[in-house]
C-alpha atoms as a PDB file:
ATOM      1  CA  ALA A   1     217.461  81.914 129.725  1.00  0.00           C
ATOM      2  CA  SER A   2     213.894  81.208 128.944  1.00  0.00           C
ATOM      3  CA  ILE A   3     210.320  82.506 130.178  1.00  0.00           C
ATOM      4  CA  THR A   4     209.837  79.023 131.590  1.00  0.00           C
ATOM      5  CA  GLU A   5     212.557  78.909 133.760  1.00  0.00           C
ATOM      6  CA  ASN A   6     212.059  79.653 137.461  1.00  0.00           C
ATOM      7  CA  PHE A   7     213.834  82.853 138.538  1.00  0.00           C
ATOM      8  CA  ASP A   8     214.039  84.372 142.285  1.00  0.00           C
ATOM      9  CA  THR A   9     212.020  87.242 141.603  1.00  0.00           C
ATOM     10  CA  SER A  10     212.564  88.506 145.281  1.00  0.00           C
ATOM     11  CA  THR A  11     216.281  89.133 143.913  1.00  0.00           C
ATOM     12  CA  PRO A  12     216.951  92.411 141.780  1.00  0.00           C
ATOM     13  CA  PHE A  13     218.503  89.663 139.035  1.00  0.00           C
ATOM     14  CA  GLY A  14     215.529  87.591 139.335  1.00  0.00           C
ATOM     15  CA  ARG A  15     213.474  90.433 138.327  1.00  0.00           C
ATOM     16  CA  ALA A  16     215.443  92.215 135.755  1.00  0.00           C
ATOM     17  CA  MET A  17     215.348  88.389 133.860  1.00  0.00           C
ATOM     18  CA  ILE A  18     211.482  88.744 133.970  1.00  0.00           C
ATOM     19  CA  GLY A  19     211.606  92.033 132.789  1.00  0.00           C
ATOM     20  CA  ILE A  20     213.860  91.608 129.580  1.00  0.00           C
ATOM     21  CA  LEU A  21     212.127  88.158 128.809  1.00  0.00           C
ATOM     22  CA  SER A  22     208.725  89.896 128.702  1.00  0.00           C
ATOM     23  CA  VAL A  23     210.064  92.539 126.342  1.00  0.00           C
ATOM     24  CA  PHE A  24     211.517  90.133 124.029  1.00  0.00           C
ATOM     25  CA  ALA A  25     208.263  88.324 124.249  1.00  0.00           C
ATOM     26  CA  GLN A  26     206.420  91.120 123.262  1.00  0.00           C
ATOM     27  CA  LEU A  27     208.948  92.287 120.505  1.00  0.00           C
ATOM     28  CA  GLU A  28     208.388  88.658 118.678  1.00  0.00           C
ATOM     29  CA  ARG A  29     204.755  89.063 119.343  1.00  0.00           C
ATOM     30  CA  GLU A  30     204.373  92.795 117.723  1.00  0.00           C
ATOM     31  CA  GLN A  31     207.334  91.687 114.586  1.00  0.00           C
ATOM     32  CA  PHE A  32     204.886  88.553 113.854  1.00  0.00           C
ATOM     33  CA  ARG A  33     201.782  90.777 113.560  1.00  0.00           C
ATOM     34  CA  GLU A  34     203.707  92.910 111.688  1.00  0.00           C
ATOM     35  CA  ARG A  35     205.106  90.039 109.311  1.00  0.00           C
ATOM     36  CA  SER A  36     201.370  88.821 108.799  1.00  0.00           C
ATOM     37  CA  ILE A  37     199.956  92.136 107.728  1.00  0.00           C
ATOM     38  CA  MET A  38     202.672  92.782 105.348  1.00  0.00           C
ATOM     39  CA  GLY A  39     202.213  89.233 103.786  1.00  0.00           C
ATOM     40  CA  LYS A  40     198.095  89.604 103.912  1.00  0.00           C
ATOM     41  CA  ASP A  41     198.914  93.055 102.034  1.00  0.00           C
ATOM     42  CA  ALA A  42     201.198  91.607  99.447  1.00  0.00           C
ATOM     43  CA  ARG A  43     198.562  88.894  98.395  1.00  0.00           C
ATOM     44  CA  ALA A  44     195.938  91.638  98.378  1.00  0.00           C
ATOM     45  CA  LYS A  45     198.151  93.516  95.589  1.00  0.00           C
ATOM     46  CA  GLU A  46     197.787  90.404  93.765  1.00  0.00           C
ATOM     47  CA  GLY A  47     194.203  90.954  93.533  1.00  0.00           C
ATOM     48  CA  ARG A  48     193.831  87.868  96.434  1.00  0.00           C
ATOM     49  CA  TYR A  49     190.695  87.937  98.244  1.00  0.00           C
ATOM     50  CA  MET A  50     191.581  87.302 102.021  1.00  0.00           C
ATOM     51  CA  THR A  51     188.898  87.119 104.238  1.00  0.00           C
ATOM     52  CA  THR A  52     187.092  84.458 105.934  1.00  0.00           C
ATOM     53  CA  VAL A  53     184.211  84.200 103.864  1.00  0.00           C
ATOM     54  CA  ALA A  54     183.218  85.337 100.426  1.00  0.00           C
ATOM     55  CA  PRO A  55     180.596  88.258 100.131  1.00  0.00           C
ATOM     56  CA  PHE A  56     177.265  87.536  99.336  1.00  0.00           C
ATOM     57  CA  GLY A  57     176.781  86.338  95.863  1.00  0.00           C
ATOM     58  CA  TYR A  58     180.069  84.801  95.845  1.00  0.00           C
ATOM     59  CA  LEU A  59     181.783  81.438  96.710  1.00  0.00           C
ATOM     60  CA  LYS A  60     185.589  80.917  97.157  1.00  0.00           C
ATOM     61  CA  ASP A  61     186.941  78.905  94.351  1.00  0.00           C
ATOM     62  CA  PRO A  62     187.552  75.576  95.665  1.00  0.00           C
ATOM     63  CA  ALA A  63     191.015  75.247  93.655  1.00  0.00           C
ATOM     64  CA  ASP A  64     192.109  78.744  94.997  1.00  0.00           C
ATOM     65  CA  HIS A  65     190.629  80.089  98.053  1.00  0.00           C
ATOM     66  CA  THR A  66     191.450  83.582  97.543  1.00  0.00           C
ATOM     67  CA  HIS A  67     189.649  83.627  94.217  1.00  0.00           C
ATOM     68  CA  LEU A  68     186.066  84.175  94.013  1.00  0.00           C
ATOM     69  CA  ILE A  69     183.493  82.893  92.044  1.00  0.00           C
ATOM     70  CA  PRO A  70     180.146  83.417  91.104  1.00  0.00           C
ATOM     71  CA  ASP A  71     177.708  81.705  93.689  1.00  0.00           C
ATOM     72  CA  PRO A  72     174.876  80.432  91.335  1.00  0.00           C
ATOM     73  CA  GLU A  73     172.262  80.250  94.151  1.00  0.00           C
ATOM     74  CA  THR A  74     172.741  84.122  95.635  1.00  0.00           C
ATOM     75  CA  ALA A  75     174.478  85.808  92.635  1.00  0.00           C
ATOM     76  CA  PRO A  76     171.272  86.378  91.035  1.00  0.00           C
ATOM     77  CA  TYR A  77     169.894  87.924  94.416  1.00  0.00           C
ATOM     78  CA  VAL A  78     172.682  90.533  94.203  1.00  0.00           C
ATOM     79  CA  LYS A  79     172.055  91.178  90.318  1.00  0.00           C
ATOM     80  CA  LYS A  80     168.119  91.888  91.350  1.00  0.00           C
ATOM     81  CA  ILE A  81     169.545  94.111  94.533  1.00  0.00           C
ATOM     82  CA  PHE A  82     171.632  96.266  91.882  1.00  0.00           C
ATOM     83  CA  GLU A  83     168.947  96.452  89.285  1.00  0.00           C
ATOM     84  CA  LEU A  84     166.653  97.598  91.628  1.00  0.00           C
ATOM     85  CA  CYS A  85     168.753 100.079  93.118  1.00  0.00           C
ATOM     86  CA  ALA A  86     169.810 101.400  89.351  1.00  0.00           C
ATOM     87  CA  SER A  87     166.038 101.686  88.784  1.00  0.00           C
ATOM     88  CA  GLY A  88     165.827 104.514  91.587  1.00  0.00           C
ATOM     89  CA  TRP A  89     164.754 101.851  94.883  1.00  0.00           C
ATOM     90  CA  GLY A  90     166.129 102.888  98.161  1.00  0.00           C
ATOM     91  CA  ASN A  91     167.166 100.434 100.656  1.00  0.00           C
ATOM     92  CA  TYR A  92     163.773 100.552 102.588  1.00  0.00           C
ATOM     93  CA  LYS A  93     162.063  99.648  99.557  1.00  0.00           C
ATOM     94  CA  ILE A  94     164.497  96.815  98.624  1.00  0.00           C
ATOM     95  CA  ARG A  95     164.765  95.629 102.162  1.00  0.00           C
ATOM     96  CA  ASP A  96     160.824  95.256 102.153  1.00  0.00           C
ATOM     97  CA  TYR A  97     161.046  93.512  98.162  1.00  0.00           C
ATOM     98  CA  LEU A  98     163.476  91.005  99.812  1.00  0.00           C
ATOM     99  CA  ARG A  99     161.605  90.510 102.884  1.00  0.00           C
ATOM    100  CA  ILE A 100     158.214  89.796 101.003  1.00  0.00           C
ATOM    101  CA  ASN A 101     159.950  87.773  98.463  1.00  0.00           C
ATOM    102  CA  LYS A 102     161.557  85.725 101.249  1.00  0.00           C
ATOM    103  CA  VAL A 103     164.990  86.054 100.098  1.00  0.00           C
ATOM    104  CA  PRO A 104     167.546  84.853 102.591  1.00  0.00           C
ATOM    105  CA  MET A 105     169.707  87.222 104.178  1.00  0.00           C
ATOM    106  CA  PRO A 106     173.755  86.689 103.516  1.00  0.00           C
ATOM    107  CA  SER A 107     174.214  85.524 107.443  1.00  0.00           C
ATOM    108  CA  TRP A 108     171.634  83.133 106.739  1.00  0.00           C
ATOM    109  CA  TYR A 109     173.652  81.612 103.946  1.00  0.00           C
ATOM    110  CA  HIS A 110     176.730  81.693 106.323  1.00  0.00           C
ATOM    111  CA  TYR A 111     174.997  80.079 108.942  1.00  0.00           C
ATOM    112  CA  ILE A 112     173.884  76.848 106.995  1.00  0.00           C
ATOM    113  CA  ARG A 113     176.975  76.827 104.790  1.00  0.00           C
ATOM    114  CA  GLY A 114     178.870  76.537 108.262  1.00  0.00           C
ATOM    115  CA  ASP A 115     180.856  79.564 107.571  1.00  0.00           C
ATOM    116  CA  LEU A 116     179.919  81.575 110.523  1.00  0.00           C
ATOM    117  CA  ASN A 117     178.207  80.484 113.228  1.00  0.00           C
ATOM    118  CA  LYS A 118     175.197  82.536 113.175  1.00  0.00           C
ATOM    119  CA  GLY A 119     172.575  80.320 114.539  1.00  0.00           C
ATOM    120  CA  VAL A 120     171.441  82.531 117.358  1.00  0.00           C
ATOM    121  CA  MET A 121     170.135  84.859 114.659  1.00  0.00           C
ATOM    122  CA  PHE A 122     167.451  82.734 113.309  1.00  0.00           C
ATOM    123  CA  PRO A 123     165.178  81.900 116.330  1.00  0.00           C
ATOM    124  CA  THR A 124     161.976  81.407 113.556  1.00  0.00           C
ATOM    125  CA  GLU A 125     162.015  81.212 110.072  1.00  0.00           C
ATOM    126  CA  GLU A 126     160.806  84.690 109.363  1.00  0.00           C
ATOM    127  CA  SER A 127     163.787  85.767 110.946  1.00  0.00           C
ATOM    128  CA  ARG A 128     166.281  84.517 108.111  1.00  0.00           C
ATOM    129  CA  TYR A 129     164.353  86.870 105.836  1.00  0.00           C
ATOM    130  CA  MET A 130     164.677  90.028 108.019  1.00  0.00           C
ATOM    131  CA  TRP A 131     166.952  92.242 105.597  1.00  0.00           C
ATOM    132  CA  ARG A 132     168.189  95.595 106.838  1.00  0.00           C
ATOM    133  CA  PRO A 133     168.977  98.946 105.039  1.00  0.00           C
ATOM    134  CA  ASP A 134     172.348  99.088 106.080  1.00  0.00           C
ATOM    135  CA  THR A 135     173.272  95.389 104.847  1.00  0.00           C
ATOM    136  CA  LEU A 136     172.037  96.697 101.654  1.00  0.00           C
ATOM    137  CA  ARG A 137     173.897 100.060 101.906  1.00  0.00           C
ATOM    138  CA  ASN A 138     176.949  97.993 102.535  1.00  0.00           C
ATOM    139  CA  LEU A 139     176.416  95.629  99.877  1.00  0.00           C
ATOM    140  CA  ILE A 140     175.811  98.102  97.289  1.00  0.00           C
ATOM    141  CA  ARG A 141     178.867  99.984  98.229  1.00  0.00           C
ATOM    142  CA  ASN A 142     181.242  97.148  98.228  1.00  0.00           C
ATOM    143  CA  ARG A 143     183.640  97.527  95.594  1.00  0.00           C
ATOM    144  CA  VAL A 144     183.762  93.704  95.425  1.00  0.00           C
ATOM    145  CA  TYR A 145     180.605  93.738  92.969  1.00  0.00           C
ATOM    146  CA  CYS A 146     182.603  96.085  90.578  1.00  0.00           C
ATOM    147  CA  GLY A 147     185.233  93.365  90.477  1.00  0.00           C
ATOM    148  CA  ASP A 148     187.836  95.054  92.632  1.00  0.00           C
ATOM    149  CA  CYS A 149     189.624  93.974  95.745  1.00  0.00           C
ATOM    150  CA  VAL A 150     189.858  96.401  98.334  1.00  0.00           C
ATOM    151  CA  ARG A 151     191.909  95.722 101.613  1.00  0.00           C
ATOM    152  CA  GLY A 152     192.824  98.205 104.519  1.00  0.00           C
ATOM    153  CA  LYS A 153     189.495  99.719 104.679  1.00  0.00           C
ATOM    154  CA  THR A 154     190.008  99.508 108.422  1.00  0.00           C
ATOM    155  CA  THR A 155     192.869  98.749 110.802  1.00  0.00           C
ATOM    156  CA  THR A 156     193.282  97.228 114.542  1.00  0.00           C
ATOM    157  CA  ILE A 157     194.719  99.063 117.052  1.00  0.00           C
ATOM    158  CA  PHE A 158     196.910  96.602 118.728  1.00  0.00           C
ATOM    159  CA  LYS A 159     196.993  97.230 122.120  1.00  0.00           C
ATOM    160  CA  THR A 160     193.091  98.014 122.478  1.00  0.00           C
ATOM    161  CA  LYS A 161     191.940  95.414 119.884  1.00  0.00           C
ATOM    162  CA  LYS A 162     189.681  98.302 118.325  1.00  0.00           C
ATOM    163  CA  HIS A 163     188.446  98.857 114.698  1.00  0.00           C
ATOM    164  CA  VAL A 164     189.231 102.093 113.355  1.00  0.00           C
ATOM    165  CA  LYS A 165     188.422 103.596 109.438  1.00  0.00           C
ATOM    166  CA  THR A 166     191.564 104.282 107.362  1.00  0.00           C
ATOM    167  CA  ASP A 167     191.688 107.200 105.118  1.00  0.00           C
ATOM    168  CA  GLU A 168     190.778 105.704 101.476  1.00  0.00           C
ATOM    169  CA  SER A 169     194.274 107.197 100.205  1.00  0.00           C
ATOM    170  CA  GLU A 170     195.955 103.869 102.252  1.00  0.00           C
ATOM    171  CA  TRP A 171     193.625 101.246 100.863  1.00  0.00           C
ATOM    172  CA  ILE A 172     194.964  98.566  98.719  1.00  0.00           C
ATOM    173  CA  VAL A 173     192.948  98.659  95.558  1.00  0.00           C
ATOM    174  CA  VAL A 174     193.388  96.176  92.754  1.00  0.00           C
ATOM    175  CA  GLU A 175     190.795  96.914  90.158  1.00  0.00           C
ATOM    176  CA  ASN A 176     189.197  93.972  87.601  1.00  0.00           C
ATOM    177  CA  THR A 177     190.423  91.162  89.937  1.00  0.00           C
END
């Protein structure tokens, strides 16, 4: 019996078969998800970077897409952001500096490189320089800029697709990758 077979759902046997097949389909789906997560966790423990796009200042290595290499175009901006932060500048002051100096936001680079479809975010030329303090906060706090690979900061609740933060003790952290 398979899910594509016709069952007479007006009979107890037909209704039971549909129920049994749906239970097995759900089990298969959940097992696939579990194996997928286990594989991603294993690669993270090896220090492999496992997201869709590289963080600002990096590119995915063409020879190994799970390895990051410095982006010659954007890495100097990241270095400048950290220099300004280390000299005592706050996120708002750094934001203003980046806007005045017309440094495009990370999402602009993802858009022009075809990594993400973010075109709607840039209705004007000026909008590509509209850095936000929370973008800077997240960049400055991102351990990838210390050379670490971190996975598992959030998890997705399977049924609701809601993303929730996980306790730091549950993260997979590989330093100096």
